[in-house]
Amino acid sequence: MTSSFSSYVPGDWVRHPDAEDWGLGQVQSAVGARVTVNFRHAGKRLVNTDQVALQVVKAPEEASED
């Protein structure tokens, strides 16, 4: 049985550690290890956080993009 708990919540801003060119992404939904993120330069992606640890970052108005 899998848990529906996720350490990411909708609205979080994240980066994919192996795809820096995707830019910042905002979490749209998170159910267990399935996290849907809308990345600025790659669009909407489903990320399995059992395989990839997304890096939570500050909101864009508080963080420099590049």
PDB file of N, CA and C in Angstrom:
ATOM      1  N   MET A   1       0.845  -1.182   0.000  1.00  0.00           N
ATOM      2  CA  MET A   1       0.000   0.000   0.000  1.00  0.00           C
ATOM      3  C   MET A   1       0.889   1.244   0.000  1.00  0.00           C
ATOM      4  N   THR A   2       0.556   2.205  -0.872  1.00  0.00           N
ATOM      5  CA  THR A   2       1.346   3.429  -0.947  1.00  0.00           C
ATOM      6  C   THR A   2       0.641   4.553  -0.215  1.00  0.00           C
ATOM      7  N   SER A   3       1.425   5.473   0.264  1.00  0.00           N
ATOM      8  CA  SER A   3       0.893   6.619   0.986  1.00  0.00           C
ATOM      9  C   SER A   3       0.546   7.737   0.011  1.00  0.00           C
ATOM     10  N   SER A   4      -0.501   8.510   0.324  1.00  0.00           N
ATOM     11  CA  SER A   4      -0.850   9.642  -0.538  1.00  0.00           C
ATOM     12  C   SER A   4      -0.160  10.919  -0.059  1.00  0.00           C
ATOM     13  N   PHE A   5       0.664  10.813   0.988  1.00  0.00           N
ATOM     14  CA  PHE A   5       1.376  11.966   1.515  1.00  0.00           C
ATOM     15  C   PHE A   5       2.537  12.333   0.595  1.00  0.00           C
ATOM     16  N   SER A   6       2.735  13.626   0.379  1.00  0.00           N
ATOM     17  CA  SER A   6       3.862  14.118  -0.397  1.00  0.00           C
ATOM     18  C   SER A   6       4.487  15.278   0.360  1.00  0.00           C
ATOM     19  N   SER A   7       5.799  15.433   0.227  1.00  0.00           N
ATOM     20  CA  SER A   7       6.462  16.556   0.891  1.00  0.00           C
ATOM     21  C   SER A   7       6.348  17.833   0.050  1.00  0.00           C
ATOM     22  N   TYR A   8       5.763  17.735  -1.132  1.00  0.00           N
ATOM     23  CA  TYR A   8       5.538  18.893  -2.000  1.00  0.00           C
ATOM     24  C   TYR A   8       4.065  19.256  -1.960  1.00  0.00           C
ATOM     25  N   VAL A   9       3.777  20.545  -2.007  1.00  0.00           N
ATOM     26  CA  VAL A   9       2.392  20.989  -1.995  1.00  0.00           C
ATOM     27  C   VAL A   9       2.151  21.921  -3.183  1.00  0.00           C
ATOM     28  N   PRO A  10       0.920  21.918  -3.704  1.00  0.00           N
ATOM     29  CA  PRO A  10       0.622  22.836  -4.805  1.00  0.00           C
ATOM     30  C   PRO A  10       1.008  24.268  -4.440  1.00  0.00           C
ATOM     31  N   GLY A  11       1.660  24.916  -5.397  1.00  0.00           N
ATOM     32  CA  GLY A  11       2.124  26.279  -5.170  1.00  0.00           C
ATOM     33  C   GLY A  11       3.609  26.362  -4.902  1.00  0.00           C
ATOM     34  N   ASP A  12       4.228  25.244  -4.444  1.00  0.00           N
ATOM     35  CA  ASP A  12       5.680  25.226  -4.238  1.00  0.00           C
ATOM     36  C   ASP A  12       6.393  25.500  -5.553  1.00  0.00           C
ATOM     37  N   TRP A  13       7.513  26.204  -5.486  1.00  0.00           N
ATOM     38  CA  TRP A  13       8.375  26.422  -6.644  1.00  0.00           C
ATOM     39  C   TRP A  13       9.556  25.485  -6.518  1.00  0.00           C
ATOM     40  N   VAL A  14       9.890  24.806  -7.630  1.00  0.00           N
ATOM     41  CA  VAL A  14      10.932  23.787  -7.609  1.00  0.00           C
ATOM     42  C   VAL A  14      11.813  23.873  -8.854  1.00  0.00           C
ATOM     43  N   ARG A  15      12.950  23.190  -8.760  1.00  0.00           N
ATOM     44  CA  ARG A  15      13.836  22.966  -9.911  1.00  0.00           C
ATOM     45  C   ARG A  15      14.073  21.458 -10.004  1.00  0.00           C
ATOM     46  N   HIS A  16      14.236  20.971 -11.220  1.00  0.00           N
ATOM     47  CA  HIS A  16      14.600  19.571 -11.442  1.00  0.00           C
ATOM     48  C   HIS A  16      16.126  19.521 -11.491  1.00  0.00           C
ATOM     49  N   PRO A  17      16.773  18.762 -10.616  1.00  0.00           N
ATOM     50  CA  PRO A  17      18.241  18.783 -10.529  1.00  0.00           C
ATOM     51  C   PRO A  17      18.953  18.275 -11.780  1.00  0.00           C
ATOM     52  N   ASP A  18      18.285  17.473 -12.593  1.00  0.00           N
ATOM     53  CA  ASP A  18      18.905  16.921 -13.796  1.00  0.00           C
ATOM     54  C   ASP A  18      18.442  17.622 -15.075  1.00  0.00           C
ATOM     55  N   ALA A  19      17.634  18.664 -14.931  1.00  0.00           N
ATOM     56  CA  ALA A  19      17.105  19.369 -16.102  1.00  0.00           C
ATOM     57  C   ALA A  19      17.037  20.869 -15.820  1.00  0.00           C
ATOM     58  N   GLU A  20      18.185  21.473 -15.552  1.00  0.00           N
ATOM     59  CA  GLU A  20      18.234  22.911 -15.235  1.00  0.00           C
ATOM     60  C   GLU A  20      17.628  23.763 -16.343  1.00  0.00           C
ATOM     61  N   ASP A  21      17.719  23.290 -17.603  1.00  0.00           N
ATOM     62  CA  ASP A  21      17.186  24.060 -18.722  1.00  0.00           C
ATOM     63  C   ASP A  21      15.657  24.147 -18.694  1.00  0.00           C
ATOM     64  N   TRP A  22      14.987  23.346 -17.860  1.00  0.00           N
ATOM     65  CA  TRP A  22      13.537  23.441 -17.723  1.00  0.00           C
ATOM     66  C   TRP A  22      13.137  24.706 -16.966  1.00  0.00           C
ATOM     67  N   GLY A  23      14.069  25.295 -16.226  1.00  0.00           N
ATOM     68  CA  GLY A  23      13.777  26.495 -15.448  1.00  0.00           C
ATOM     69  C   GLY A  23      12.975  26.176 -14.196  1.00  0.00           C
ATOM     70  N   LEU A  24      12.446  27.224 -13.596  1.00  0.00           N
ATOM     71  CA  LEU A  24      11.609  27.045 -12.403  1.00  0.00           C
ATOM     72  C   LEU A  24      10.300  26.377 -12.775  1.00  0.00           C
ATOM     73  N   GLY A  25       9.768  25.634 -11.825  1.00  0.00           N
ATOM     74  CA  GLY A  25       8.473  25.003 -12.026  1.00  0.00           C
ATOM     75  C   GLY A  25       7.619  25.188 -10.791  1.00  0.00           C
ATOM     76  N   GLN A  26       6.319  25.235 -11.015  1.00  0.00           N
ATOM     77  CA  GLN A  26       5.395  25.346  -9.879  1.00  0.00           C
ATOM     78  C   GLN A  26       4.603  24.054  -9.774  1.00  0.00           C
ATOM     79  N   VAL A  27       4.582  23.500  -8.556  1.00  0.00           N
ATOM     80  CA  VAL A  27       3.850  22.263  -8.297  1.00  0.00           C
ATOM     81  C   VAL A  27       2.359  22.527  -8.491  1.00  0.00           C
ATOM     82  N   GLN A  28       1.735  21.684  -9.323  1.00  0.00           N
ATOM     83  CA  GLN A  28       0.305  21.778  -9.584  1.00  0.00           C
ATOM     84  C   GLN A  28      -0.481  20.809  -8.699  1.00  0.00           C
ATOM     85  N   SER A  29       0.074  19.604  -8.526  1.00  0.00           N
ATOM     86  CA  SER A  29      -0.557  18.608  -7.654  1.00  0.00           C
ATOM     87  C   SER A  29       0.509  17.642  -7.172  1.00  0.00           C
ATOM     88  N   ALA A  30       0.232  17.004  -6.044  1.00  0.00           N
ATOM     89  CA  ALA A  30       1.165  16.047  -5.469  1.00  0.00           C
ATOM     90  C   ALA A  30       0.380  14.974  -4.734  1.00  0.00           C
ATOM     91  N   VAL A  31       0.503  13.740  -5.237  1.00  0.00           N
ATOM     92  CA  VAL A  31      -0.139  12.598  -4.605  1.00  0.00           C
ATOM     93  C   VAL A  31       0.920  11.514  -4.463  1.00  0.00           C
ATOM     94  N   GLY A  32       1.335  11.302  -3.234  1.00  0.00           N
ATOM     95  CA  GLY A  32       2.416  10.351  -3.008  1.00  0.00           C
ATOM     96  C   GLY A  32       3.665  10.804  -3.735  1.00  0.00           C
ATOM     97  N   ALA A  33       4.253   9.905  -4.531  1.00  0.00           N
ATOM     98  CA  ALA A  33       5.479  10.218  -5.259  1.00  0.00           C
ATOM     99  C   ALA A  33       5.198  10.830  -6.626  1.00  0.00           C
ATOM    100  N   ARG A  34       3.940  11.006  -6.982  1.00  0.00           N
ATOM    101  CA  ARG A  34       3.575  11.567  -8.286  1.00  0.00           C
ATOM    102  C   ARG A  34       3.303  13.059  -8.128  1.00  0.00           C
ATOM    103  N   VAL A  35       4.233  13.873  -8.642  1.00  0.00           N
ATOM    104  CA  VAL A  35       4.139  15.321  -8.507  1.00  0.00           C
ATOM    105  C   VAL A  35       4.064  15.929  -9.904  1.00  0.00           C
ATOM    106  N   THR A  36       2.987  16.663 -10.168  1.00  0.00           N
ATOM    107  CA  THR A  36       2.833  17.344 -11.447  1.00  0.00           C
ATOM    108  C   THR A  36       3.341  18.762 -11.292  1.00  0.00           C
ATOM    109  N   VAL A  37       4.287  19.133 -12.169  1.00  0.00           N
ATOM    110  CA  VAL A  37       4.938  20.435 -12.096  1.00  0.00           C
ATOM    111  C   VAL A  37       4.810  21.125 -13.451  1.00  0.00           C
ATOM    112  N   ASN A  38       4.477  22.399 -13.437  1.00  0.00           N
ATOM    113  CA  ASN A  38       4.449  23.202 -14.656  1.00  0.00           C
ATOM    114  C   ASN A  38       5.746  24.007 -14.708  1.00  0.00           C
ATOM    115  N   PHE A  39       6.688  23.545 -15.549  1.00  0.00           N
ATOM    116  CA  PHE A  39       7.987  24.197 -15.682  1.00  0.00           C
ATOM    117  C   PHE A  39       7.910  25.307 -16.721  1.00  0.00           C
ATOM    118  N   ARG A  40       8.615  26.401 -16.472  1.00  0.00           N
ATOM    119  CA  ARG A  40       8.585  27.566 -17.362  1.00  0.00           C
ATOM    120  C   ARG A  40       9.018  27.248 -18.785  1.00  0.00           C
ATOM    121  N   HIS A  41      10.046  26.400 -18.942  1.00  0.00           N
ATOM    122  CA  HIS A  41      10.597  26.145 -20.273  1.00  0.00           C
ATOM    123  C   HIS A  41      10.339  24.726 -20.775  1.00  0.00           C
ATOM    124  N   ALA A  42       9.571  23.940 -20.042  1.00  0.00           N
ATOM    125  CA  ALA A  42       9.323  22.555 -20.448  1.00  0.00           C
ATOM    126  C   ALA A  42       7.855  22.167 -20.335  1.00  0.00           C
ATOM    127  N   GLY A  43       7.024  23.075 -19.839  1.00  0.00           N
ATOM    128  CA  GLY A  43       5.603  22.763 -19.702  1.00  0.00           C
ATOM    129  C   GLY A  43       5.322  21.831 -18.536  1.00  0.00           C
ATOM    130  N   LYS A  44       4.166  21.201 -18.595  1.00  0.00           N
ATOM    131  CA  LYS A  44       3.706  20.355 -17.493  1.00  0.00           C
ATOM    132  C   LYS A  44       4.381  18.990 -17.573  1.00  0.00           C
ATOM    133  N   ARG A  45       4.964  18.569 -16.452  1.00  0.00           N
ATOM    134  CA  ARG A  45       5.664  17.281 -16.371  1.00  0.00           C
ATOM    135  C   ARG A  45       5.235  16.545 -15.110  1.00  0.00           C
ATOM    136  N   LEU A  46       5.098  15.232 -15.234  1.00  0.00           N
ATOM    137  CA  LEU A  46       4.829  14.377 -14.086  1.00  0.00           C
ATOM    138  C   LEU A  46       6.167  13.824 -13.604  1.00  0.00           C
ATOM    139  N   VAL A  47       6.507  14.096 -12.354  1.00  0.00           N
ATOM    140  CA  VAL A  47       7.795  13.692 -11.792  1.00  0.00           C
ATOM    141  C   VAL A  47       7.562  12.648 -10.706  1.00  0.00           C
ATOM    142  N   ASN A  48       8.299  11.550 -10.790  1.00  0.00           N
ATOM    143  CA  ASN A  48       8.259  10.521  -9.757  1.00  0.00           C
ATOM    144  C   ASN A  48       9.326  10.881  -8.732  1.00  0.00           C
ATOM    145  N   THR A  49       8.901  11.367  -7.584  1.00  0.00           N
ATOM    146  CA  THR A  49       9.865  11.821  -6.579  1.00  0.00           C
ATOM    147  C   THR A  49      10.520  10.664  -5.816  1.00  0.00           C
ATOM    148  N   ASP A  50      10.139   9.423  -6.131  1.00  0.00           N
ATOM    149  CA  ASP A  50      10.909   8.280  -5.631  1.00  0.00           C
ATOM    150  C   ASP A  50      12.211   8.165  -6.429  1.00  0.00           C
ATOM    151  N   GLN A  51      12.223   8.733  -7.637  1.00  0.00           N
ATOM    152  CA  GLN A  51      13.382   8.673  -8.522  1.00  0.00           C
ATOM    153  C   GLN A  51      14.182   9.979  -8.549  1.00  0.00           C
ATOM    154  N   VAL A  52      13.491  11.117  -8.362  1.00  0.00           N
ATOM    155  CA  VAL A  52      14.115  12.441  -8.470  1.00  0.00           C
ATOM    156  C   VAL A  52      13.691  13.302  -7.285  1.00  0.00           C
ATOM    157  N   ALA A  53      14.653  13.885  -6.588  1.00  0.00           N
ATOM    158  CA  ALA A  53      14.350  14.803  -5.490  1.00  0.00           C
ATOM    159  C   ALA A  53      14.337  16.223  -6.050  1.00  0.00           C
ATOM    160  N   LEU A  54      13.154  16.775  -6.228  1.00  0.00           N
ATOM    161  CA  LEU A  54      13.040  18.146  -6.709  1.00  0.00           C
ATOM    162  C   LEU A  54      13.603  19.097  -5.655  1.00  0.00           C
ATOM    163  N   GLN A  55      14.210  20.186  -6.117  1.00  0.00           N
ATOM    164  CA  GLN A  55      14.780  21.169  -5.206  1.00  0.00           C
ATOM    165  C   GLN A  55      13.776  22.296  -5.015  1.00  0.00           C
ATOM    166  N   VAL A  56      13.277  22.461  -3.804  1.00  0.00           N
ATOM    167  CA  VAL A  56      12.342  23.546  -3.504  1.00  0.00           C
ATOM    168  C   VAL A  56      13.123  24.855  -3.449  1.00  0.00           C
ATOM    169  N   VAL A  57      12.599  25.880  -4.120  1.00  0.00           N
ATOM    170  CA  VAL A  57      13.262  27.181  -4.188  1.00  0.00           C
ATOM    171  C   VAL A  57      12.283  28.274  -3.783  1.00  0.00           C
ATOM    172  N   LYS A  58      12.793  29.486  -3.605  1.00  0.00           N
ATOM    173  CA  LYS A  58      11.944  30.633  -3.292  1.00  0.00           C
ATOM    174  C   LYS A  58      11.081  30.982  -4.493  1.00  0.00           C
ATOM    175  N   ALA A  59      10.007  31.680  -4.232  1.00  0.00           N
ATOM    176  CA  ALA A  59       9.119  32.136  -5.308  1.00  0.00           C
ATOM    177  C   ALA A  59       9.901  33.013  -6.284  1.00  0.00           C
ATOM    178  N   PRO A  60       9.539  33.024  -7.567  1.00  0.00           N
ATOM    179  CA  PRO A  60      10.309  33.749  -8.581  1.00  0.00           C
ATOM    180  C   PRO A  60      10.564  35.205  -8.267  1.00  0.00           C
ATOM    181  N   GLU A  61       9.618  35.907  -7.669  1.00  0.00           N
ATOM    182  CA  GLU A  61       9.844  37.320  -7.362  1.00  0.00           C
ATOM    183  C   GLU A  61      10.889  37.519  -6.264  1.00  0.00           C
ATOM    184  N   GLU A  62      11.222  36.411  -5.535  1.00  0.00           N
ATOM    185  CA  GLU A  62      12.228  36.477  -4.488  1.00  0.00           C
ATOM    186  C   GLU A  62      13.555  35.849  -4.919  1.00  0.00           C
ATOM    187  N   ALA A  63      13.549  35.111  -6.021  1.00  0.00           N
ATOM    188  CA  ALA A  63      14.762  34.408  -6.461  1.00  0.00           C
ATOM    189  C   ALA A  63      15.138  34.877  -7.861  1.00  0.00           C
ATOM    190  N   SER A  64      16.419  34.901  -8.124  1.00  0.00           N
ATOM    191  CA  SER A  64      16.851  35.237  -9.484  1.00  0.00           C
ATOM    192  C   SER A  64      16.688  34.014 -10.368  1.00  0.00           C
ATOM    193  N   GLU A  65      16.197  34.210 -11.572  1.00  0.00           N
ATOM    194  CA  GLU A  65      15.944  33.104 -12.492  1.00  0.00           C
ATOM    195  C   GLU A  65      17.236  32.517 -13.029  1.00  0.00           C
ATOM    196  N   ASP A  66      18.174  33.340 -13.422  1.00  0.00           N
ATOM    197  CA  ASP A  66      19.412  32.805 -13.998  1.00  0.00           C
ATOM    198  C   ASP A  66      20.609  33.521 -13.471  1.00  0.00           C
TER     199      ASP A  66
END
